[in-house]
Each structure stands twice: as C-alpha cells, then as structure tokens.
Amino acid sequence: MSLQTSPRAAPAVLTETAHVVWPDARELQVTRSTKAPAGSRDWVVLPSVATPRWLLPADAPATARALVGQEPTRTRQVAATLVARAHRAGLVHRVPVRRLRVDHPGDDSLEATLRRMLRTEVDVAIRLGSWRHARSVVVRLFASDGTTLAFGKLGVDDLGRTSVREEARALARVAQLDLTQVVHSEVVGREVWRGLEVLLVTPLLLGRGDDDDGLPVAAMRELAGAAGSRVGPLSDSAWWTGLSERVVEVADPSVREELGSHVDHLRWVASGTAVPLGPSHGDWTPWNMAWKGGRVLLWDWEHFAEDVPVGFDHSHFLAQQLRVSSGTGPDVEATWLELAHVALQQHIGLDHAARDLVLAAYLLEVNLRYVLDRQGTPQEVERRAGWGLEMLRRRVQDLPHDPG
C-alpha cells in the first residue's frame, strides 16, 4: 500500500510514519477534502504537509494542547500557539488544508494499541520523529475533555527500540533515588507491538509552569549527588568503561582512529585527576524540562547513566541553550567554554585541571554519541555543527601530555 498524495509527494517522515502507525489501513491519502467517508479519519498535518512535525485528529480539537510549550525557540512557540488556537476553534477541521486521511485503520493500529494499554478511550497527538537517523515517534494521549493522560514513545528501528528500553530502565532506577528537586515521569505501560517497543509514562506538564531559563543548579546538584555518587579517577568510572567499549563500535576507520587517539590521551590525564562522579540525565536541555513550584520537571531520560563526571549536565545545558539562541560559530563555542568553566567552578568546585578534563571528556562523549546515532544513515557523512571534532581536538591538545 502506498500513500496517495496530490499535488506534491509527501516527505518520507510523513509517509513512513503513517505506514508504521496504521499498518493495516485500507488506504492512506493526503487530501484537501473536509468530508471523511464512513470508516475513515482525517489527521491534520502541522505545520504543513511539506514540513510535518505533528499529526492531530481533525475531529478532536482538544489535542491542540500538544502544540503548546514543545518548541525550542520563541518564534516557533508563538506560531504553534496560533495554530493551536485555530485547531481548538475548529477552523483546521473545516478549512480545506491538506490532511492525512486514514481509511479503515484496523483493529491492530497503534491508536488501538494505546487505548488498550490505558484501558480507556483516548485521542492521540503524534509527534513525528526524524527518519534520517533515530526512528522514533512520540505520542500524547488525551481524554475527551483535553486532559493529558500519558506521553508515549514508539521505537521503530534498532536505535529507537534501544532508546525506549533504556528510558524505561532509567525511569525505574531514578524512581529509587528519592529526588525532591527533580520530578520525573513514571512508567504506566510497556508493550512490544508488531516488534516495536512502546513505552507510556505519566505526564509532567500539568498547569502553568514557572518562567525561568537559567541553569537549574539545585536540581542538577541533587541528581549528581544521589545514591552512588563519589569522587575518584575518571579512568576508573563506569562512564570510562562504557566510552572505551563504544569507540570500537564506530564503523568509519578514520573517525574511530581519531576518537580512539583522544581516548588514549585522556586516559593518562584521567588516571591522575580525581573528579566527582554521579548520576547524569545525559540530555538535560531547556526543552527537556520545565520549572514548577521551584522544582524541575525533567523528561527524556534515555541517556541517563551513573558514575558519570559531574558537570556533563551543566555543560550540555549551556551548549544546547547557546546553540538555539546564538548558533554554532567559533565565537559561540568560545562563549560556551567561558560559561562552562564558571559553572563547573562555582557550582561543582572543580579546579582548573579538573575543569579542562571534564570539558574535554564531555566533548568526546557528545561527538561519539553523534557518530553512533547517525551511523548507517544518510546523516553519517554530515559533520557536527558546533562542539564538533575540531573543538574536541583543541581541548584535548590543551591537556597535559604524558612525558613518556
């Protein structure tokens, strides 16, 4: 079955997501018609069919809430809010904008599976993932009155399935840490559906959050100091062991050789420098959290790990915040380096040598993750924009060298 489109072909992310979510549908069609035949349902493609990021059921305007608060920039937040208002008013349903029509979706669609997992009737908003590398779909489940019942993830390829399993494992572990400054979701359902991993978690975005775009120092300190935290040589950490194992998985020989050389260089420095080690969220960014009552609501835990250098979360937050607000040029990287040094000194108490080591290790981590996430995909030939191998080389070269 192919996705019928007119007048222009739908992008792969829409086509492939539709086939995954409704594998037994009699027909999938992009149309402007506002009158869906019996047995069919229309899904509004937002912001457009050409650049699809969301699928919302046209006959369930309450799902427009999914659009609000999910964009990383102010401009996109404003645009999403305007579209959400139009959908809540029923305009999107009545105006002949291009939409995805699903004819007889079948009893074993993702929609039906999610309803069965929650044991209630739900409407589903679908956030399309990137089909250029990690294939995943994010869903938000609503009651008829617009109340959010759960968030969910569907892992599609090997990397996506692993990500879902890792997040479920992480949430189970984080629940044992007795955190008070950090609020996390709880697992409400897991299932393997047609060979794909499905995870449902409790929602965190309840009511209006607090406005604060600063570094969440207290919450980061609490997580990093939770059970299992310690001070010791970086080369003896669980993170270092995992790093060494992952480097050999890099398929490109030249990239594997370069990253391996950086590991060798860091090994000598790391063996003689003690640093704080503890739990780390792994992807702590401004758009993966919200403030509420002075506490931090934090989601997307698939990169959670323990015995990690304290400061990775601080460094990553600052880097991603600058990436969105200022770009990825050398001047921005230099600004990040200054801010990161200040944060690691003031909030963690690292001396200059330890800061240099942690920042070099962080750059090694994010570059290795970037390579492995895109390996075997069309993106594997693309260089990382900002905080890439060039910056990693400079930071490693500035570290002390083994005189032997």
Protein backbone atom coordinates (compact mmCIF):
# COMPACT_ATOMS: atom_id res chain seq x y z
CA MET A 1 0.00 0.00 0.00
CA SER A 2 1.36 3.41 -0.95
CA LEU A 3 0.46 6.81 0.46
CA GLN A 4 -1.52 8.67 -2.20
CA THR A 5 -0.57 12.33 -2.49
CA SER A 6 -1.73 15.29 -4.56
CA PRO A 7 -0.47 17.56 -5.92
CA ARG A 8 3.02 17.10 -4.38
CA ALA A 9 4.60 14.00 -2.88
CA ALA A 10 4.62 13.77 0.90
CA PRO A 11 8.03 13.76 2.63
CA ALA A 12 9.42 10.46 3.86
CA VAL A 13 8.85 11.27 7.53
CA LEU A 14 5.09 11.52 6.94
CA THR A 15 4.88 8.57 4.57
CA GLU A 16 6.88 6.17 6.72
CA THR A 17 5.28 7.24 9.98
CA ALA A 18 1.80 6.71 8.52
CA HIS A 19 2.69 3.18 7.43
CA VAL A 20 4.06 2.38 10.90
CA VAL A 21 1.12 3.81 12.85
CA TRP A 22 -1.59 2.37 10.57
CA PRO A 23 -0.04 -0.76 9.01
CA ASP A 24 -3.42 -2.35 8.16
CA ALA A 25 -5.18 0.74 6.83
CA ARG A 26 -7.09 0.14 3.61
CA GLU A 27 -5.84 3.43 2.22
CA LEU A 28 -3.67 6.39 3.26
CA GLN A 29 -4.19 9.61 1.34
CA VAL A 30 -3.18 13.26 1.53
CA THR A 31 -6.23 15.30 0.59
CA ARG A 32 -7.89 18.71 0.94
CA SER A 33 -11.38 17.27 1.28
CA THR A 34 -13.02 18.12 4.61
CA LYS A 35 -15.57 15.30 4.45
CA ALA A 36 -14.12 12.00 5.58
CA PRO A 37 -16.15 8.95 4.43
CA ALA A 38 -17.53 6.50 6.97
CA GLY A 39 -14.75 4.38 8.44
CA SER A 40 -12.10 7.00 7.72
CA ARG A 41 -10.47 9.61 9.92
CA ASP A 42 -8.62 12.77 8.99
CA TRP A 43 -5.38 13.88 10.62
CA VAL A 44 -4.21 17.47 10.35
CA VAL A 45 -0.53 17.65 9.37
CA LEU A 46 1.18 20.55 11.15
CA PRO A 47 2.70 22.95 10.46
CA SER A 48 2.26 21.68 6.88
CA VAL A 49 2.49 18.56 4.74
CA ALA A 50 5.76 19.88 3.33
CA THR A 51 7.32 20.21 6.83
CA PRO A 52 5.38 17.77 9.01
CA ARG A 53 6.04 17.67 12.76
CA TRP A 54 2.63 16.83 14.20
CA LEU A 55 -0.41 14.73 13.31
CA LEU A 56 -3.56 15.77 15.17
CA PRO A 57 -7.00 14.19 14.67
CA ALA A 58 -9.08 16.79 12.83
CA ASP A 59 -12.22 15.90 14.80
CA ALA A 60 -10.55 16.24 18.24
CA PRO A 61 -9.65 19.93 18.71
CA ALA A 62 -8.66 19.37 22.36
CA THR A 63 -5.48 17.67 21.11
CA ALA A 64 -4.24 21.14 20.08
CA ARG A 65 -2.76 21.36 23.58
CA ALA A 66 0.04 19.12 22.32
CA LEU A 67 1.41 22.01 20.26
CA VAL A 68 1.93 24.40 23.15
CA GLY A 69 5.23 24.51 25.03
CA GLN A 70 7.01 21.97 22.87
CA GLU A 71 9.10 24.22 20.60
CA PRO A 72 12.71 25.22 21.43
CA THR A 73 12.55 28.83 20.13
CA ARG A 74 10.24 31.76 20.92
CA THR A 75 9.25 32.23 17.29
CA ARG A 76 8.17 28.62 16.87
CA GLN A 77 6.38 28.73 20.23
CA VAL A 78 4.30 31.71 19.07
CA ALA A 79 3.49 30.03 15.76
CA ALA A 80 2.49 26.80 17.50
CA THR A 81 0.22 28.70 19.88
CA LEU A 82 -1.59 30.40 16.98
CA VAL A 83 -2.12 27.09 15.18
CA ALA A 84 -3.34 25.51 18.41
CA ARG A 85 -5.96 28.26 18.82
CA ALA A 86 -7.17 27.69 15.28
CA HIS A 87 -7.50 23.97 15.88
CA ARG A 88 -9.34 24.43 19.18
CA ALA A 89 -11.78 26.73 17.39
CA GLY A 90 -12.48 24.01 14.82
CA LEU A 91 -11.05 26.03 11.92
CA VAL A 92 -8.50 23.42 10.92
CA HIS A 93 -11.21 20.78 10.66
CA ARG A 94 -13.43 22.94 8.42
CA VAL A 95 -10.86 24.69 6.22
CA PRO A 96 -9.62 22.59 3.25
CA VAL A 97 -5.98 22.46 4.31
CA ARG A 98 -4.07 19.36 3.25
CA ARG A 99 -4.56 16.48 5.66
CA LEU A 100 -3.82 12.80 6.01
CA ARG A 101 -6.87 10.57 5.54
CA VAL A 102 -6.72 7.10 7.05
CA ASP A 103 -9.32 4.71 5.62
CA HIS A 104 -10.31 1.86 7.99
CA PRO A 105 -7.21 1.92 10.22
CA GLY A 106 -7.73 -1.63 11.51
CA ASP A 107 -8.04 -3.19 14.94
CA ASP A 108 -4.28 -3.50 15.46
CA SER A 109 -3.21 0.06 14.74
CA LEU A 110 -1.01 2.00 17.16
CA GLU A 111 -4.09 4.01 18.15
CA ALA A 112 -5.99 0.88 19.12
CA THR A 113 -2.98 -0.48 20.99
CA LEU A 114 -2.60 2.71 23.05
CA ARG A 115 -6.29 2.65 24.00
CA ARG A 116 -5.97 -0.94 25.11
CA MET A 117 -2.84 -0.18 27.16
CA LEU A 118 -4.63 2.62 29.04
CA ARG A 119 -7.96 0.74 29.10
CA THR A 120 -9.90 3.82 28.12
CA GLU A 121 -10.90 5.86 25.10
CA VAL A 122 -8.20 8.35 24.14
CA ASP A 123 -7.34 10.78 21.39
CA VAL A 124 -3.78 10.70 20.18
CA ALA A 125 -1.48 13.52 19.07
CA ILE A 126 1.53 12.17 17.16
CA ARG A 127 4.89 13.94 17.06
CA LEU A 128 6.89 12.79 14.07
CA GLY A 129 10.47 11.79 14.73
CA SER A 130 13.43 12.07 12.37
CA TRP A 131 13.51 9.30 9.81
CA ARG A 132 17.02 10.34 8.82
CA HIS A 133 18.58 8.66 11.86
CA ALA A 134 16.94 7.55 15.14
CA ARG A 135 13.49 6.45 14.10
CA SER A 136 11.01 7.18 16.84
CA VAL A 137 7.51 8.53 17.23
CA VAL A 138 6.28 10.47 20.28
CA VAL A 139 2.59 10.38 21.22
CA ARG A 140 0.50 12.35 23.68
CA LEU A 141 -2.73 10.75 24.85
CA PHE A 142 -5.77 12.87 25.71
CA ALA A 143 -9.11 12.28 27.37
CA SER A 144 -12.13 13.73 25.57
CA ASP A 145 -12.01 16.85 27.78
CA GLY A 146 -8.42 17.59 26.76
CA THR A 147 -6.77 16.20 29.89
CA THR A 148 -3.39 14.65 29.14
CA LEU A 149 -3.40 11.02 30.27
CA ALA A 150 0.08 9.94 29.23
CA PHE A 151 3.02 10.50 26.96
CA GLY A 152 4.45 7.70 24.92
CA LYS A 153 7.32 6.72 22.68
CA LEU A 154 7.48 4.19 19.89
CA GLY A 155 10.91 2.90 18.92
CA VAL A 156 10.95 1.96 15.25
CA ASP A 157 14.48 0.96 14.24
CA ASP A 158 17.22 -0.69 16.34
CA LEU A 159 18.36 2.62 17.79
CA GLY A 160 14.80 3.72 18.54
CA ARG A 161 13.92 0.44 20.22
CA THR A 162 17.08 0.59 22.31
CA SER A 163 16.25 4.17 23.30
CA VAL A 164 12.80 3.17 24.55
CA ARG A 165 14.19 0.26 26.54
CA GLU A 166 16.88 2.47 28.05
CA GLU A 167 14.35 5.11 29.09
CA ALA A 168 12.18 2.50 30.81
CA ARG A 169 15.24 1.17 32.64
CA ALA A 170 16.33 4.69 33.59
CA LEU A 171 12.94 5.70 34.99
CA ALA A 172 12.85 2.57 37.11
CA ARG A 173 16.27 3.43 38.53
CA VAL A 174 15.59 7.16 39.02
CA ALA A 175 12.46 6.28 40.98
CA GLN A 176 14.78 4.72 43.59
CA LEU A 177 16.84 7.89 44.09
CA ASP A 178 14.25 9.75 46.24
CA LEU A 179 14.70 13.03 44.38
CA THR A 180 12.82 16.12 45.58
CA GLN A 181 14.15 18.91 43.35
CA VAL A 182 13.76 16.80 40.20
CA VAL A 183 10.34 15.47 39.18
CA HIS A 184 10.29 12.65 36.64
CA SER A 185 7.66 10.57 34.90
CA GLU A 186 6.66 7.07 35.97
CA VAL A 187 6.15 4.13 33.66
CA VAL A 188 2.46 3.31 33.20
CA GLY A 189 2.76 0.79 30.38
CA ARG A 190 5.21 -1.09 28.18
CA GLU A 191 4.46 -3.35 25.27
CA VAL A 192 6.04 -4.86 22.18
CA TRP A 193 3.68 -4.08 19.32
CA ARG A 194 4.46 -5.65 15.95
CA GLY A 195 8.07 -5.99 17.03
CA LEU A 196 8.30 -2.33 18.05
CA GLU A 197 8.86 -1.02 21.58
CA VAL A 198 6.05 1.08 23.08
CA LEU A 199 6.50 2.99 26.35
CA LEU A 200 3.84 5.05 28.14
CA VAL A 201 4.71 7.38 31.02
CA THR A 202 2.82 9.73 33.30
CA PRO A 203 2.55 13.36 32.07
CA LEU A 204 4.55 16.12 33.70
CA LEU A 205 3.12 19.28 32.10
CA LEU A 206 0.24 19.97 34.46
CA GLY A 207 -0.92 23.58 34.71
CA ARG A 208 1.17 26.68 34.10
CA GLY A 209 4.90 26.40 34.68
CA ASP A 210 7.28 28.98 36.08
CA ASP A 211 9.29 31.20 33.73
CA ASP A 212 13.00 30.57 34.28
CA ASP A 213 15.57 29.84 31.58
CA GLY A 214 18.58 29.75 33.89
CA LEU A 215 20.79 26.80 34.75
CA PRO A 216 18.83 24.56 37.19
CA VAL A 217 21.72 24.31 39.64
CA ALA A 218 19.90 22.87 42.66
CA ALA A 219 18.21 20.15 40.64
CA MET A 220 21.46 19.21 38.88
CA ARG A 221 23.28 19.12 42.21
CA GLU A 222 20.63 16.84 43.70
CA LEU A 223 20.76 14.35 40.83
CA ALA A 224 24.56 14.32 40.66
CA GLY A 225 24.79 13.77 44.43
CA ALA A 226 22.22 10.97 44.61
CA ALA A 227 22.95 7.38 45.59
CA GLY A 228 26.21 6.09 44.14
CA SER A 229 27.93 9.47 43.85
CA ARG A 230 31.63 9.53 44.74
CA VAL A 231 34.97 11.15 43.98
CA GLY A 232 37.58 9.20 42.08
CA PRO A 233 39.79 8.97 38.99
CA LEU A 234 37.78 9.40 35.80
CA SER A 235 39.61 6.43 34.27
CA ASP A 236 38.10 4.14 36.95
CA SER A 237 34.49 5.22 36.29
CA ALA A 238 31.70 3.26 34.69
CA TRP A 239 31.45 6.07 32.12
CA TRP A 240 35.05 5.50 31.06
CA THR A 241 34.48 1.75 30.66
CA GLY A 242 31.42 2.38 28.51
CA LEU A 243 33.28 5.00 26.48
CA SER A 244 36.05 2.58 25.59
CA GLU A 245 33.52 -0.06 24.55
CA ARG A 246 31.53 2.33 22.36
CA VAL A 247 34.51 3.73 20.48
CA VAL A 248 35.21 0.34 18.88
CA GLU A 249 31.64 0.37 17.51
CA VAL A 250 32.43 3.32 15.21
CA ALA A 251 32.36 1.97 11.66
CA ASP A 252 34.35 4.72 9.90
CA PRO A 253 38.04 3.75 10.35
CA SER A 254 39.38 7.31 10.30
CA VAL A 255 36.82 8.58 12.82
CA ARG A 256 37.35 5.51 15.01
CA GLU A 257 41.11 6.09 14.93
CA GLU A 258 40.77 9.76 15.84
CA LEU A 259 38.33 9.17 18.70
CA GLY A 260 40.49 6.32 19.91
CA SER A 261 43.54 8.60 19.99
CA HIS A 262 41.61 11.10 22.10
CA VAL A 263 40.64 8.31 24.49
CA ASP A 264 44.30 7.32 24.81
CA HIS A 265 45.30 10.92 25.51
CA LEU A 266 42.57 11.40 28.11
CA ARG A 267 43.42 8.09 29.79
CA TRP A 268 46.73 9.37 31.13
CA VAL A 269 45.22 12.65 32.37
CA ALA A 270 42.15 10.91 33.78
CA SER A 271 44.16 8.41 35.80
CA GLY A 272 45.78 11.19 37.80
CA THR A 273 42.82 13.52 38.24
CA ALA A 274 40.06 12.79 40.74
CA VAL A 275 36.65 14.23 39.85
CA PRO A 276 33.15 13.97 41.32
CA LEU A 277 31.16 11.13 39.73
CA GLY A 278 27.43 10.53 39.95
CA PRO A 279 24.13 10.04 38.14
CA SER A 280 23.59 12.13 34.99
CA HIS A 281 20.45 12.80 32.96
CA GLY A 282 22.51 12.82 29.77
CA ASP A 283 20.37 15.20 27.69
CA TRP A 284 19.44 17.99 30.11
CA THR A 285 18.35 20.83 27.83
CA PRO A 286 15.93 23.76 28.25
CA TRP A 287 13.32 21.97 26.12
CA ASN A 288 13.53 18.70 28.08
CA MET A 289 12.43 20.38 31.31
CA ALA A 290 10.06 22.88 32.87
CA TRP A 291 10.02 24.75 36.17
CA LYS A 292 7.10 24.15 38.52
CA GLY A 293 6.91 25.48 42.05
CA GLY A 294 10.66 25.87 42.28
CA ARG A 295 11.26 22.29 41.18
CA VAL A 296 12.30 20.95 37.78
CA LEU A 297 10.07 18.68 35.73
CA LEU A 298 12.50 16.63 33.66
CA TRP A 299 11.78 14.17 30.84
CA ASP A 300 13.58 12.19 28.07
CA TRP A 301 15.76 10.00 30.29
CA GLU A 302 17.04 7.58 27.65
CA HIS A 303 20.64 8.80 28.06
CA PHE A 304 20.62 8.51 31.87
CA ALA A 305 23.75 6.90 33.28
CA GLU A 306 25.54 6.56 36.62
CA ASP A 307 29.16 7.09 37.63
CA VAL A 308 29.43 9.92 35.09
CA PRO A 309 31.62 13.04 35.52
CA VAL A 310 29.61 15.65 37.39
CA GLY A 311 29.40 18.67 35.11
CA PHE A 312 28.30 16.89 31.94
CA ASP A 313 24.71 18.01 32.52
CA HIS A 314 25.78 21.60 33.23
CA SER A 315 27.97 21.69 30.13
CA HIS A 316 25.31 20.17 27.88
CA PHE A 317 22.58 22.52 29.08
CA LEU A 318 24.73 25.58 28.39
CA ALA A 319 25.85 24.27 24.99
CA GLN A 320 22.34 23.49 23.77
CA GLN A 321 20.96 26.76 25.11
CA LEU A 322 23.60 28.69 23.16
CA ARG A 323 23.13 26.53 20.06
CA VAL A 324 19.48 27.58 19.84
CA SER A 325 19.91 31.22 20.86
CA SER A 326 23.19 32.12 19.15
CA GLY A 327 24.20 29.45 16.62
CA THR A 328 27.28 27.27 16.35
CA GLY A 329 30.15 29.51 15.26
CA PRO A 330 33.60 29.74 16.89
CA ASP A 331 32.59 32.81 18.91
CA VAL A 332 29.66 30.91 20.40
CA GLU A 333 31.90 27.95 21.24
CA ALA A 334 34.29 30.34 22.99
CA THR A 335 31.41 31.84 24.97
CA TRP A 336 30.30 28.35 26.00
CA LEU A 337 33.81 27.47 27.15
CA GLU A 338 33.90 30.54 29.40
CA LEU A 339 30.41 29.90 30.80
CA ALA A 340 31.11 26.22 31.35
CA HIS A 341 34.34 26.97 33.24
CA VAL A 342 32.47 29.37 35.50
CA ALA A 343 29.65 26.88 36.13
CA LEU A 344 31.99 23.97 36.91
CA GLN A 345 33.99 26.14 39.28
CA GLN A 346 31.14 27.88 41.08
CA HIS A 347 28.59 25.08 41.26
CA ILE A 348 30.80 21.98 41.49
CA GLY A 349 34.05 23.36 42.86
CA LEU A 350 36.37 21.91 40.22
CA ASP A 351 39.85 23.33 39.90
CA HIS A 352 41.20 24.36 36.50
CA ALA A 353 42.78 20.98 35.69
CA ALA A 354 39.62 19.09 36.55
CA ARG A 355 37.50 21.53 34.54
CA ASP A 356 39.70 21.07 31.48
CA LEU A 357 39.44 17.30 31.82
CA VAL A 358 35.66 17.25 32.30
CA LEU A 359 35.04 19.58 29.35
CA ALA A 360 37.29 17.53 27.06
CA ALA A 361 35.53 14.37 28.22
CA TYR A 362 32.13 15.95 27.59
CA LEU A 363 33.12 16.88 24.03
CA LEU A 364 34.36 13.34 23.47
CA GLU A 365 31.02 11.98 24.74
CA VAL A 366 28.80 14.17 22.54
CA ASN A 367 30.90 13.59 19.44
CA LEU A 368 30.91 9.84 19.93
CA ARG A 369 27.15 9.87 20.52
CA TYR A 370 26.65 11.96 17.39
CA VAL A 371 28.61 9.49 15.26
CA LEU A 372 26.93 6.38 16.63
CA ASP A 373 23.42 7.85 16.40
CA ARG A 374 23.85 8.57 12.68
CA GLN A 375 25.88 5.55 11.72
CA GLY A 376 24.38 3.69 8.77
CA THR A 377 22.01 6.57 7.92
CA PRO A 378 22.11 9.38 5.33
CA GLN A 379 23.39 11.69 8.08
CA GLU A 380 26.59 9.76 8.78
CA VAL A 381 28.56 11.90 6.31
CA GLU A 382 27.46 15.18 7.91
CA ARG A 383 29.85 16.93 10.25
CA ARG A 384 28.56 18.00 13.63
CA ALA A 385 27.77 21.73 13.58
CA GLY A 386 29.38 23.25 16.65
CA TRP A 387 31.04 21.43 19.54
CA GLY A 388 32.43 19.03 16.94
CA LEU A 389 35.69 17.23 16.29
CA GLU A 390 37.60 20.45 15.68
CA MET A 391 36.79 21.76 19.16
CA LEU A 392 37.44 18.34 20.69
CA ARG A 393 40.92 18.28 19.12
CA ARG A 394 41.75 21.71 20.56
CA ARG A 395 40.57 20.83 24.04
CA VAL A 396 42.48 17.53 24.10
CA GLN A 397 45.65 19.17 22.78
CA ASP A 398 45.50 21.69 25.63
CA LEU A 399 45.53 18.92 28.24
CA PRO A 400 48.82 17.83 29.84
CA HIS A 401 50.76 15.26 27.81
CA ASP A 402 52.36 12.04 29.02
CA PRO A 403 56.12 12.80 29.03
CA GLY A 404 56.80 9.16 28.28
